[in-house]
Amino acid sequence: MRKTRSSIVFLGAILARTGRARISFPGGCEIGSRPIDLHLNSLREMGADIREKHGYLECCVPNGLCGTKITLSFP
C-alpha cells in the first residue's frame, strides 16, 4: 500500500474490526501536499494509539474506538 493514499482512509475501519493495524506511510502521486494528520489526530481522539516506526504506522485500540466530538483544524 506504499504507492496509494487510500490506506489511510481504511485505517479507522480496520482498527474498529481488528483492534490493530500496521500500514506503510501513504504514498501516491506528487500533486501537492496532502497531510494525513487530520486522520491520525481524529483516530487518536477516538482512543487509538498510533506510533510512527521505520516508515510504518503501528496502530492499536486497546479499548476499542469510542465516538467523540471532533473539531477539525483548518489553516
Protein backbone atom coordinates (compact mmCIF):
# COMPACT_ATOMS: atom_id res chain seq x y z
CA MET A 1 0.00 0.00 0.00
CA ARG A 2 3.05 2.23 -0.09
CA LYS A 3 2.06 3.61 -3.50
CA THR A 4 -1.52 4.52 -2.68
CA ARG A 5 -3.05 7.01 -0.28
CA SER A 6 -6.28 5.08 0.26
CA SER A 7 -4.76 3.01 3.07
CA ILE A 8 -5.19 5.91 5.50
CA VAL A 9 -8.90 6.14 4.67
CA PHE A 10 -9.44 2.49 5.62
CA LEU A 11 -7.36 2.67 8.79
CA GLY A 12 -10.33 3.50 11.05
CA ALA A 13 -12.40 0.61 9.72
CA ILE A 14 -9.51 -1.83 10.09
CA LEU A 15 -8.87 -0.69 13.66
CA ALA A 16 -12.54 -0.98 14.57
CA ARG A 17 -12.72 -4.51 13.20
CA THR A 18 -9.38 -6.00 14.25
CA GLY A 19 -8.11 -3.73 17.04
CA ARG A 20 -4.72 -3.23 15.42
CA ALA A 21 -3.10 -2.37 12.10
CA ARG A 22 0.33 -1.77 10.63
CA ILE A 23 0.46 0.17 7.38
CA SER A 24 3.23 1.92 5.49
CA PHE A 25 3.10 5.68 5.22
CA PRO A 26 0.76 6.58 2.37
CA GLY A 27 2.41 7.41 -0.94
CA GLY A 28 0.61 8.37 -4.10
CA CYS A 29 1.21 10.89 -6.80
CA GLU A 30 3.01 14.17 -6.37
CA ILE A 31 0.08 16.54 -6.92
CA GLY A 32 0.83 18.54 -3.82
CA SER A 33 0.83 18.40 -0.08
CA ARG A 34 -1.91 16.19 1.33
CA PRO A 35 -1.18 15.71 5.00
CA ILE A 36 -2.66 12.81 6.94
CA ASP A 37 -2.57 14.48 10.34
CA LEU A 38 -6.35 15.11 10.35
CA HIS A 39 -6.97 11.37 10.05
CA LEU A 40 -4.40 10.44 12.68
CA ASN A 41 -5.48 13.10 15.18
CA SER A 42 -9.12 12.10 14.82
CA LEU A 43 -8.30 8.43 15.42
CA ARG A 44 -6.23 9.38 18.46
CA GLU A 45 -9.17 11.35 19.87
CA MET A 46 -11.29 8.20 19.49
CA GLY A 47 -8.79 6.16 21.51
CA ALA A 48 -6.24 4.88 19.02
CA ASP A 49 -2.58 4.57 19.97
CA ILE A 50 -0.60 5.42 16.82
CA ARG A 51 3.18 5.19 16.63
CA GLU A 52 5.41 6.01 13.69
CA LYS A 53 8.23 3.46 13.29
CA HIS A 54 10.63 2.93 10.39
CA GLY A 55 8.25 4.19 7.68
CA TYR A 56 5.18 2.47 9.11
CA LEU A 57 2.22 3.45 11.24
CA GLU A 58 1.65 0.93 14.02
CA CYS A 59 -1.83 1.39 15.46
CA CYS A 60 -3.86 -0.29 18.15
CA VAL A 61 -7.03 0.41 20.08
CA PRO A 62 -6.72 -1.33 23.46
CA ASN A 63 -10.27 -0.38 24.49
CA GLY A 64 -11.87 -0.09 21.05
CA LEU A 65 -12.71 3.11 19.21
CA CYS A 66 -15.09 5.43 21.07
CA GLY A 67 -17.23 8.06 19.41
CA THR A 68 -16.36 11.63 20.33
CA LYS A 69 -16.84 15.19 19.16
CA ILE A 70 -14.00 16.12 16.82
CA THR A 71 -13.18 19.69 15.88
CA LEU A 72 -11.15 19.87 12.67
CA SER A 73 -8.41 22.47 12.46
CA PHE A 74 -8.17 24.31 9.19
CA PRO A 75 -5.45 26.75 8.14
